[in-house]
N, C-alpha and C. Protein backbone atom coordinates (compact mmCIF):
# COMPACT_ATOMS: atom_id res chain seq x y z
N MET A 1 50.16 9.52 22.54
CA MET A 1 49.27 9.15 20.95
C MET A 1 47.69 9.92 21.46
N SER A 2 47.07 10.19 20.71
CA SER A 2 45.68 10.64 20.76
C SER A 2 44.84 9.48 21.60
N PRO A 3 43.67 10.13 22.46
CA PRO A 3 42.77 8.94 22.72
C PRO A 3 41.88 8.21 21.04
N GLU A 4 42.00 9.10 20.14
CA GLU A 4 41.73 8.47 19.08
C GLU A 4 42.42 8.58 17.85
N SER A 5 42.80 7.86 16.95
CA SER A 5 43.51 8.02 15.88
C SER A 5 43.15 7.89 14.68
N PHE A 6 43.44 8.38 13.70
CA PHE A 6 42.70 8.42 12.16
C PHE A 6 43.56 7.55 11.53
N VAL A 7 42.62 6.47 10.72
CA VAL A 7 43.46 5.43 9.91
C VAL A 7 42.72 5.20 9.27
N ARG A 8 43.26 5.40 7.69
CA ARG A 8 42.52 4.62 6.65
C ARG A 8 42.99 3.00 6.70
N PHE A 9 41.70 2.63 6.57
CA PHE A 9 41.77 1.11 6.77
C PHE A 9 40.52 0.43 5.65
N ASP A 10 41.54 -0.48 5.26
CA ASP A 10 40.33 -1.67 4.36
C ASP A 10 39.43 -2.76 5.13
N ARG A 11 38.46 -1.93 5.39
CA ARG A 11 37.40 -2.67 6.18
C ARG A 11 37.03 -4.24 5.74
N LYS A 12 36.34 -4.12 4.11
CA LYS A 12 35.92 -5.21 3.94
C LYS A 12 37.16 -6.16 2.82
N GLY A 13 38.26 -5.74 3.03
CA GLY A 13 39.00 -6.79 2.38
C GLY A 13 39.11 -6.75 0.94
N ASP A 14 38.42 -5.48 0.13
CA ASP A 14 37.99 -5.18 -1.12
C ASP A 14 39.39 -4.30 -1.61
N GLY A 15 40.19 -3.40 -0.94
CA GLY A 15 40.91 -2.74 -1.34
C GLY A 15 40.70 -1.17 -1.19
N ASN A 16 39.59 -1.21 -0.68
CA ASN A 16 38.91 0.16 -0.59
C ASN A 16 39.11 0.85 0.96
N LEU A 17 40.01 1.88 1.09
CA LEU A 17 40.21 2.23 2.19
C LEU A 17 39.22 3.33 2.83
N GLU A 18 38.83 3.07 4.09
CA GLU A 18 37.76 3.89 4.51
C GLU A 18 38.25 4.63 5.56
N ASP A 19 37.48 5.71 5.99
CA ASP A 19 38.11 6.59 7.09
C ASP A 19 37.75 5.74 8.44
N SER A 20 38.40 5.97 9.43
CA SER A 20 38.01 5.08 10.27
C SER A 20 38.86 5.60 11.74
N PHE A 21 38.42 5.44 12.72
CA PHE A 21 39.17 5.82 13.91
C PHE A 21 39.58 4.68 15.01
N PHE A 22 40.51 4.60 15.52
CA PHE A 22 40.85 3.79 16.75
C PHE A 22 41.42 4.17 17.78
N ARG A 23 41.19 3.40 18.96
CA ARG A 23 41.91 4.12 20.17
C ARG A 23 43.00 2.57 20.36
N PHE A 24 44.49 3.18 20.70
CA PHE A 24 45.27 2.22 20.68
C PHE A 24 45.73 1.97 21.88
N SER A 25 46.14 1.00 22.52
CA SER A 25 46.81 0.84 23.56
C SER A 25 47.95 -0.11 23.77
N ILE A 26 49.20 0.21 24.03
CA ILE A 26 50.51 -0.60 23.79
C ILE A 26 51.12 -0.65 24.98
N HIS A 27 51.18 -1.62 25.87
CA HIS A 27 51.97 -1.95 26.88
C HIS A 27 53.05 -2.79 26.90
N PRO A 28 53.98 -2.46 27.72
CA PRO A 28 55.40 -3.55 27.84
C PRO A 28 54.81 -4.62 28.72
N LEU A 29 55.59 -6.04 28.20
CA LEU A 29 55.44 -7.16 28.84
C LEU A 29 56.75 -7.12 29.53
N ARG A 30 56.86 -7.77 30.72
CA ARG A 30 57.85 -7.73 31.63
C ARG A 30 58.17 -8.89 32.31
N ASP A 31 58.99 -9.35 32.38
CA ASP A 31 59.28 -10.51 33.03
C ASP A 31 59.51 -10.26 34.72
N ALA A 32 59.94 -11.45 35.52
CA ALA A 32 60.23 -11.48 36.82
C ALA A 32 61.03 -10.19 37.49
N GLU A 33 62.38 -9.98 36.51
CA GLU A 33 63.46 -9.09 37.02
C GLU A 33 63.08 -7.44 36.33
N ASP A 34 61.69 -7.33 35.80
CA ASP A 34 61.20 -6.03 35.22
C ASP A 34 62.02 -5.67 33.95
N HIS A 35 62.28 -6.59 33.18
CA HIS A 35 62.87 -6.56 32.05
C HIS A 35 61.80 -6.55 30.79
N VAL A 36 61.76 -5.86 29.81
CA VAL A 36 60.78 -5.92 28.86
C VAL A 36 61.19 -7.24 27.96
N TYR A 37 60.52 -7.95 27.81
CA TYR A 37 60.41 -8.86 26.74
C TYR A 37 59.68 -9.24 25.71
N GLY A 38 58.78 -7.93 25.62
CA GLY A 38 57.62 -7.98 24.40
C GLY A 38 56.71 -6.82 24.91
N MET A 39 55.34 -6.71 24.25
CA MET A 39 54.66 -6.18 24.10
C MET A 39 53.37 -6.46 23.82
N ILE A 40 52.23 -5.66 24.30
CA ILE A 40 51.03 -6.11 24.08
C ILE A 40 50.49 -4.74 23.26
N ALA A 41 49.52 -5.01 22.30
CA ALA A 41 49.02 -3.84 21.69
C ALA A 41 47.43 -4.27 21.38
N ALA A 42 46.71 -3.43 21.53
CA ALA A 42 45.27 -3.45 21.55
C ALA A 42 44.76 -2.49 20.55
N ALA A 43 43.72 -2.26 19.68
CA ALA A 43 43.19 -1.34 19.04
C ALA A 43 41.63 -1.54 19.11
N VAL A 44 41.16 -0.61 19.46
CA VAL A 44 39.51 -0.63 19.51
C VAL A 44 39.07 0.22 18.37
N ASP A 45 38.18 0.10 17.48
CA ASP A 45 37.70 0.22 16.50
C ASP A 45 36.46 1.51 17.18
N ILE A 46 36.69 2.76 17.47
CA ILE A 46 35.80 3.86 17.65
C ILE A 46 35.17 4.61 16.63
N THR A 47 35.28 4.43 15.37
CA THR A 47 34.58 5.06 13.97
C THR A 47 33.16 5.44 14.47
N GLU A 48 32.38 4.61 14.57
CA GLU A 48 30.86 4.97 15.14
C GLU A 48 31.04 5.71 16.19
N GLN A 49 31.81 5.86 17.17
CA GLN A 49 31.49 6.81 18.28
C GLN A 49 31.95 8.07 17.75
N VAL A 50 33.02 8.11 17.09
CA VAL A 50 33.61 9.42 16.82
C VAL A 50 32.85 9.99 15.70
N ASN A 51 32.00 9.47 14.87
CA ASN A 51 31.05 10.12 13.73
C ASN A 51 29.60 10.38 14.77
N VAL A 52 29.14 9.54 15.53
CA VAL A 52 28.06 10.08 16.24
C VAL A 52 28.56 11.43 16.83
N ARG A 53 29.62 11.54 17.45
CA ARG A 53 30.23 12.69 18.35
C ARG A 53 30.26 13.90 17.52
N ARG A 54 30.90 13.81 16.28
CA ARG A 54 31.09 14.77 15.09
C ARG A 54 29.54 15.10 14.70
N ALA A 55 28.69 14.21 14.58
CA ALA A 55 27.26 14.52 14.14
C ALA A 55 26.65 15.37 15.38
N LEU A 56 26.54 15.13 16.10
CA LEU A 56 26.28 15.67 17.32
C LEU A 56 26.95 17.02 17.77
N GLU A 57 28.13 17.45 17.40
CA GLU A 57 28.69 18.63 17.51
C GLU A 57 28.43 19.32 16.14
N THR A 58 28.17 18.89 15.13
CA THR A 58 27.48 19.80 13.76
C THR A 58 25.89 20.15 14.34
N ALA A 59 25.31 19.23 14.88
CA ALA A 59 23.78 19.46 15.18
C ALA A 59 23.81 20.62 15.95
N LEU A 60 24.39 20.51 17.19
CA LEU A 60 24.55 21.45 18.30
C LEU A 60 25.21 22.96 17.34
N ALA A 61 26.08 22.61 16.63
CA ALA A 61 26.17 24.22 16.21
C ALA A 61 25.59 24.91 15.04
N ASP A 62 24.59 23.83 14.22
CA ASP A 62 23.60 24.11 13.70
C ASP A 62 22.27 24.96 14.65
N ARG A 63 22.14 23.79 15.70
CA ARG A 63 21.13 24.58 16.63
C ARG A 63 21.69 26.01 16.91
N GLU A 64 22.81 26.21 17.53
CA GLU A 64 23.28 27.33 18.10
C GLU A 64 22.79 28.62 17.13
N ARG A 65 23.44 28.45 15.79
CA ARG A 65 23.15 29.45 14.80
C ARG A 65 21.57 29.49 14.48
N LEU A 66 20.62 28.32 14.34
CA LEU A 66 19.31 28.79 14.42
C LEU A 66 18.98 29.88 15.57
N LEU A 67 19.04 29.23 16.40
CA LEU A 67 18.61 29.92 17.85
C LEU A 67 19.14 31.85 17.78
N GLN A 68 20.31 31.73 17.14
CA GLN A 68 20.77 33.20 17.03
C GLN A 68 19.75 33.62 15.76
N GLU A 69 19.68 33.20 14.68
CA GLU A 69 18.60 33.30 13.47
C GLU A 69 17.30 33.92 13.94
N VAL A 70 16.83 32.99 14.99
CA VAL A 70 15.32 33.21 15.60
C VAL A 70 15.42 34.35 16.53
N GLU A 71 16.31 34.74 17.23
CA GLU A 71 16.30 35.59 18.07
C GLU A 71 16.50 37.15 17.25
N VAL A 72 17.52 36.96 16.20
CA VAL A 72 17.41 38.12 15.31
C VAL A 72 15.83 38.30 14.82
N GLY A 73 15.33 37.44 14.18
CA GLY A 73 14.02 37.63 13.90
C GLY A 73 13.14 38.30 14.99
N ARG A 74 13.34 37.46 16.17
CA ARG A 74 12.13 38.19 17.40
C ARG A 74 12.79 39.44 17.46
N GLN A 75 14.06 39.73 17.67
CA GLN A 75 14.20 41.55 17.91
C GLN A 75 13.56 42.32 16.73
N ARG A 76 13.61 41.36 15.26
CA ARG A 76 12.97 42.63 14.02
C ARG A 76 11.46 42.67 14.17
N LEU A 77 10.97 41.69 14.65
CA LEU A 77 9.36 41.55 15.08
C LEU A 77 8.95 42.28 16.11
N ARG A 78 10.23 42.30 17.23
CA ARG A 78 9.45 42.83 18.32
C ARG A 78 9.44 44.63 18.15
N GLY A 79 10.94 44.89 17.18
CA GLY A 79 10.69 46.14 16.89
C GLY A 79 9.55 46.99 15.96
N LEU A 80 9.19 46.08 14.95
CA LEU A 80 7.71 46.47 14.09
C LEU A 80 6.57 46.27 15.04
N PHE A 81 6.61 45.59 16.05
CA PHE A 81 5.45 45.46 17.15
C PHE A 81 5.09 46.87 17.77
N GLU A 82 6.60 46.93 18.45
CA GLU A 82 6.73 48.30 19.37
C GLU A 82 6.65 49.68 18.37
N ASN A 83 7.01 49.92 17.03
CA ASN A 83 6.85 50.96 16.43
C ASN A 83 5.67 51.11 15.60
N ALA A 84 4.66 49.87 15.49
CA ALA A 84 3.40 49.78 14.56
C ALA A 84 2.65 51.14 14.79
N SER A 85 2.30 51.75 13.72
CA SER A 85 1.25 52.93 13.90
C SER A 85 0.04 52.29 13.85
N ALA A 86 -0.26 51.29 15.09
CA ALA A 86 -1.80 50.91 14.83
C ALA A 86 -1.62 50.54 16.80
N PHE A 87 -2.71 50.43 17.26
CA PHE A 87 -3.09 50.21 18.44
C PHE A 87 -3.13 48.29 18.54
N VAL A 88 -1.93 48.01 19.18
CA VAL A 88 -1.76 46.39 18.99
C VAL A 88 -1.26 45.66 20.51
N CYS A 89 -2.04 44.59 20.44
CA CYS A 89 -1.84 43.78 21.66
C CYS A 89 -1.88 42.39 21.30
N ILE A 90 -1.25 41.61 22.13
CA ILE A 90 -1.43 40.00 21.86
C ILE A 90 -2.02 39.78 23.05
N LEU A 91 -3.01 38.88 22.87
CA LEU A 91 -3.57 37.91 24.15
C LEU A 91 -3.56 36.41 23.59
N ARG A 92 -3.24 36.11 25.06
CA ARG A 92 -2.91 34.52 25.16
C ARG A 92 -4.32 33.81 25.99
N GLY A 93 -4.34 32.73 25.03
CA GLY A 93 -5.26 31.79 25.96
C GLY A 93 -6.82 32.13 26.20
N PRO A 94 -7.65 31.22 26.66
CA PRO A 94 -8.99 31.41 26.65
C PRO A 94 -9.30 32.56 27.46
N ASP A 95 -8.46 33.12 28.54
CA ASP A 95 -8.91 33.96 29.30
C ASP A 95 -8.25 35.06 28.72
N HIS A 96 -7.95 35.12 27.54
CA HIS A 96 -7.39 36.45 26.91
C HIS A 96 -6.32 37.21 27.70
N VAL A 97 -5.14 36.53 28.42
CA VAL A 97 -4.37 37.43 29.13
C VAL A 97 -3.25 38.18 28.14
N PHE A 98 -2.90 39.03 28.65
CA PHE A 98 -2.09 40.09 27.69
C PHE A 98 -1.07 39.78 27.95
N GLU A 99 -0.15 39.16 26.59
CA GLU A 99 1.05 38.90 26.20
C GLU A 99 1.88 40.18 26.04
N LEU A 100 1.88 41.22 25.34
CA LEU A 100 2.31 42.13 24.31
C LEU A 100 1.31 43.22 24.40
N VAL A 101 1.82 44.57 24.70
CA VAL A 101 1.20 45.63 24.56
C VAL A 101 2.16 46.69 24.04
N ASN A 102 1.86 47.16 22.50
CA ASN A 102 2.78 47.85 22.26
C ASN A 102 2.53 49.61 22.64
N PRO A 103 3.29 50.18 22.57
CA PRO A 103 3.16 51.59 23.06
C PRO A 103 1.67 52.37 22.70
N LEU A 104 1.52 52.58 21.43
CA LEU A 104 0.35 52.76 21.45
C LEU A 104 -0.94 52.46 22.00
N PHE A 105 -0.88 51.22 21.72
CA PHE A 105 -2.37 50.85 22.72
C PHE A 105 -1.94 51.03 24.12
N GLN A 106 -0.72 51.12 24.66
CA GLN A 106 -0.55 51.30 26.27
C GLN A 106 -1.02 52.92 26.44
N ARG A 107 -0.88 53.56 25.16
CA ARG A 107 -1.14 55.37 25.37
C ARG A 107 -2.79 55.28 25.37
N LEU A 108 -3.10 54.57 24.54
CA LEU A 108 -4.80 54.53 24.63
C LEU A 108 -5.61 54.29 25.31
N VAL A 109 -4.94 53.33 26.26
CA VAL A 109 -5.93 52.57 27.59
C VAL A 109 -5.12 53.44 28.98
N GLY A 110 -4.13 54.23 28.67
CA GLY A 110 -3.39 54.86 29.93
C GLY A 110 -2.16 54.30 30.17
N LYS A 111 -1.14 55.00 30.16
CA LYS A 111 -0.03 54.78 30.44
C LYS A 111 0.52 53.86 32.19
N ASP A 112 -0.06 54.25 32.88
CA ASP A 112 -0.43 53.86 34.32
C ASP A 112 -0.93 52.55 34.67
N ARG A 113 -1.95 51.93 33.43
CA ARG A 113 -2.28 50.79 33.53
C ARG A 113 -1.67 49.71 32.86
N ALA A 114 -1.31 48.76 34.10
CA ALA A 114 -0.36 47.90 33.77
C ALA A 114 -1.19 46.51 33.28
N LEU A 115 -1.10 46.21 32.00
CA LEU A 115 -1.79 44.80 31.35
C LEU A 115 -1.16 43.69 31.39
N VAL A 116 0.04 43.82 31.16
CA VAL A 116 0.78 42.41 30.76
C VAL A 116 0.80 41.55 31.77
N GLY A 117 0.25 40.17 31.57
CA GLY A 117 0.18 39.35 32.56
C GLY A 117 -1.29 39.24 33.13
N LEU A 118 -2.37 40.01 32.86
CA LEU A 118 -3.51 39.74 33.27
C LEU A 118 -4.51 39.57 32.54
N PRO A 119 -5.66 39.16 32.48
CA PRO A 119 -6.68 38.32 31.68
C PRO A 119 -7.42 39.59 31.24
N ALA A 120 -7.98 39.68 30.27
CA ALA A 120 -8.66 41.07 29.92
C ALA A 120 -9.66 41.70 30.73
N ARG A 121 -10.37 40.34 31.35
CA ARG A 121 -11.44 40.91 32.36
C ARG A 121 -10.94 41.59 33.11
N GLU A 122 -9.81 41.56 33.76
CA GLU A 122 -9.17 41.89 34.91
C GLU A 122 -8.83 43.38 34.41
N GLY A 123 -7.51 43.36 33.53
CA GLY A 123 -6.80 44.31 32.79
C GLY A 123 -7.81 45.41 32.46
N MET A 124 -8.91 44.88 31.97
CA MET A 124 -9.81 46.03 31.11
C MET A 124 -11.45 45.66 30.98
N PRO A 125 -11.92 45.64 32.47
CA PRO A 125 -13.20 45.52 32.80
C PRO A 125 -14.25 45.97 31.60
N GLU A 126 -13.97 47.38 31.49
CA GLU A 126 -14.86 48.07 30.70
C GLU A 126 -15.15 47.02 29.08
N MET A 127 -14.41 46.25 28.68
CA MET A 127 -14.34 45.54 27.44
C MET A 127 -15.23 44.46 27.77
N LEU A 128 -15.92 43.82 28.98
CA LEU A 128 -16.99 43.11 28.99
C LEU A 128 -18.28 43.82 28.69
N GLU A 129 -18.23 45.06 29.50
CA GLU A 129 -19.48 45.87 29.50
C GLU A 129 -19.72 46.06 27.74
N GLN A 130 -18.83 46.05 26.92
CA GLN A 130 -18.92 46.71 25.71
C GLN A 130 -18.84 45.50 24.73
N GLY A 131 -19.02 44.39 25.09
CA GLY A 131 -19.10 43.29 24.30
C GLY A 131 -17.92 42.48 23.59
N PHE A 132 -16.85 43.00 24.01
CA PHE A 132 -15.44 42.67 23.38
C PHE A 132 -14.91 41.26 23.81
N ILE A 133 -15.06 40.99 25.07
CA ILE A 133 -14.99 40.01 25.69
C ILE A 133 -15.43 38.86 24.99
N GLY A 134 -16.82 38.88 24.54
CA GLY A 134 -17.56 37.78 24.07
C GLY A 134 -17.06 37.42 22.68
N LEU A 135 -16.86 38.79 22.14
CA LEU A 135 -16.04 38.71 20.65
C LEU A 135 -14.66 37.96 20.93
N LEU A 136 -13.83 38.47 22.01
CA LEU A 136 -12.66 37.32 21.95
C LEU A 136 -12.97 36.21 21.89
N ASP A 137 -13.77 35.98 23.05
CA ASP A 137 -14.18 34.40 23.31
C ASP A 137 -14.64 33.48 21.66
N SER A 138 -15.49 34.35 21.17
CA SER A 138 -15.81 34.00 19.87
C SER A 138 -14.86 33.70 18.95
N VAL A 139 -13.66 34.37 18.68
CA VAL A 139 -12.66 34.40 17.78
C VAL A 139 -11.80 33.11 18.42
N TYR A 140 -11.70 32.72 19.56
CA TYR A 140 -10.91 31.98 20.19
C TYR A 140 -10.97 30.72 20.22
N GLN A 141 -12.55 30.61 20.35
CA GLN A 141 -13.06 29.51 20.11
C GLN A 141 -13.41 28.72 18.54
N ALA A 142 -13.82 29.56 17.74
CA ALA A 142 -13.71 29.22 16.38
C ALA A 142 -12.73 29.12 15.75
N SER A 143 -11.59 29.57 15.93
CA SER A 143 -10.42 29.75 15.42
C SER A 143 -10.29 30.72 14.01
N GLU A 144 -11.55 31.40 14.23
CA GLU A 144 -11.76 32.28 13.01
C GLU A 144 -11.34 33.65 13.13
N PRO A 145 -10.59 34.34 12.14
CA PRO A 145 -10.47 35.83 12.56
C PRO A 145 -11.62 36.60 12.29
N PHE A 146 -11.54 37.67 12.98
CA PHE A 146 -12.77 38.61 13.07
C PHE A 146 -12.01 40.29 12.75
N THR A 147 -12.78 40.62 11.80
CA THR A 147 -12.13 41.98 11.25
C THR A 147 -13.17 42.88 10.61
N ALA A 148 -13.05 43.84 12.00
CA ALA A 148 -14.14 45.12 11.72
C ALA A 148 -14.04 45.93 10.54
N ILE A 149 -14.46 46.34 9.70
CA ILE A 149 -14.48 46.91 8.27
C ILE A 149 -15.68 48.43 8.62
N PRO A 150 -14.89 49.43 8.49
CA PRO A 150 -15.87 50.40 8.70
C PRO A 150 -16.86 50.66 7.52
N PRO A 151 -18.17 51.14 7.38
CA PRO A 151 -19.02 50.96 6.34
C PRO A 151 -18.38 52.18 5.32
N MET A 152 -18.73 51.61 4.01
CA MET A 152 -18.06 52.58 3.21
C MET A 152 -18.86 53.54 3.07
N THR A 153 -17.86 54.74 2.75
CA THR A 153 -18.09 56.02 2.55
C THR A 153 -18.30 56.35 0.86
N ASN A 154 -19.14 57.19 0.61
CA ASN A 154 -19.65 57.12 -1.01
C ASN A 154 -18.75 58.41 -1.14
N PRO A 155 -17.74 57.96 -2.23
CA PRO A 155 -16.80 58.76 -2.86
C PRO A 155 -17.59 60.48 -3.54
N ARG A 156 -18.46 60.12 -3.57
CA ARG A 156 -19.41 61.62 -4.29
C ARG A 156 -19.25 62.65 -2.84
N THR A 157 -19.98 61.82 -1.94
CA THR A 157 -19.78 62.56 -0.55
C THR A 157 -18.64 63.19 -0.24
N VAL A 158 -17.60 62.42 -0.42
CA VAL A 158 -15.99 62.88 0.28
C VAL A 158 -15.81 64.00 -0.84
N LEU A 159 -15.64 63.59 -1.87
CA LEU A 159 -14.84 64.45 -3.05
C LEU A 159 -15.89 65.54 -3.50
N GLY A 160 -17.05 65.54 -3.31
CA GLY A 160 -17.88 66.77 -3.76
C GLY A 160 -18.41 66.81 -4.76
N HIS A 161 -18.25 65.60 -6.13
CA HIS A 161 -18.44 65.59 -7.40
C HIS A 161 -19.14 64.10 -7.67
N ARG A 162 -19.34 64.12 -8.74
CA ARG A 162 -19.95 62.78 -9.34
C ARG A 162 -18.54 62.13 -10.27
N CYS A 163 -18.29 61.07 -9.62
CA CYS A 163 -17.48 60.01 -10.25
C CYS A 163 -16.18 60.60 -11.26
N GLY A 164 -15.61 61.35 -10.34
CA GLY A 164 -14.04 62.06 -10.86
C GLY A 164 -14.09 63.18 -12.10
N ARG A 165 -15.84 63.54 -12.32
CA ARG A 165 -15.81 64.57 -13.21
C ARG A 165 -16.04 65.78 -12.67
N HIS A 166 -15.31 66.79 -12.18
CA HIS A 166 -15.72 67.82 -11.57
C HIS A 166 -15.62 68.92 -12.32
N ARG A 167 -17.13 69.81 -12.18
CA ARG A 167 -17.53 70.72 -12.78
C ARG A 167 -17.52 72.10 -11.92
N SER A 168 -17.04 72.96 -12.52
CA SER A 168 -17.18 74.27 -11.43
C SER A 168 -18.46 74.65 -11.58
N ARG A 169 -19.03 75.34 -10.99
CA ARG A 169 -20.21 76.17 -10.65
C ARG A 169 -20.26 77.40 -11.23
N PRO A 170 -20.73 77.99 -12.19
CA PRO A 170 -20.68 79.64 -12.83
C PRO A 170 -21.12 80.32 -11.65
N GLY A 171 -20.49 81.24 -11.56
CA GLY A 171 -20.51 82.30 -9.99
C GLY A 171 -21.65 83.40 -10.46
């Protein structure tokens, strides 16, 4: 007999059978000459333990599935980061420690310059002179983004004509 047995059981005495699990133990009773004269049977209701174990197994399976989905998402994000057509680095903490550097950023600062794991002040001391460390400090402390937007270019200068009306000059 298995350690747990499934039984449909009327727990409340109202005629409704409920799924239940029991652990049964049946032992022979013997007399002085070792003859069996009866049996003793015990049943322990382990329904709650079985339900908890099953819920835990389901939760663990769900957790494993979610961890796999997260890893797939991380790999996708990593691919986007690695292949971005922009100079990108990820800095962590108040010391602005380089956590990730994409290949384009690495090429910009020099392929032989190891940045990951270093605070920005150490990895790129020139950032201090140029005011970038102060800017990073401000963004970190204020939790507000900073975006550098280049000055607007006059479209007439770029296009060489006025507001979309192009006129040829007579020769």
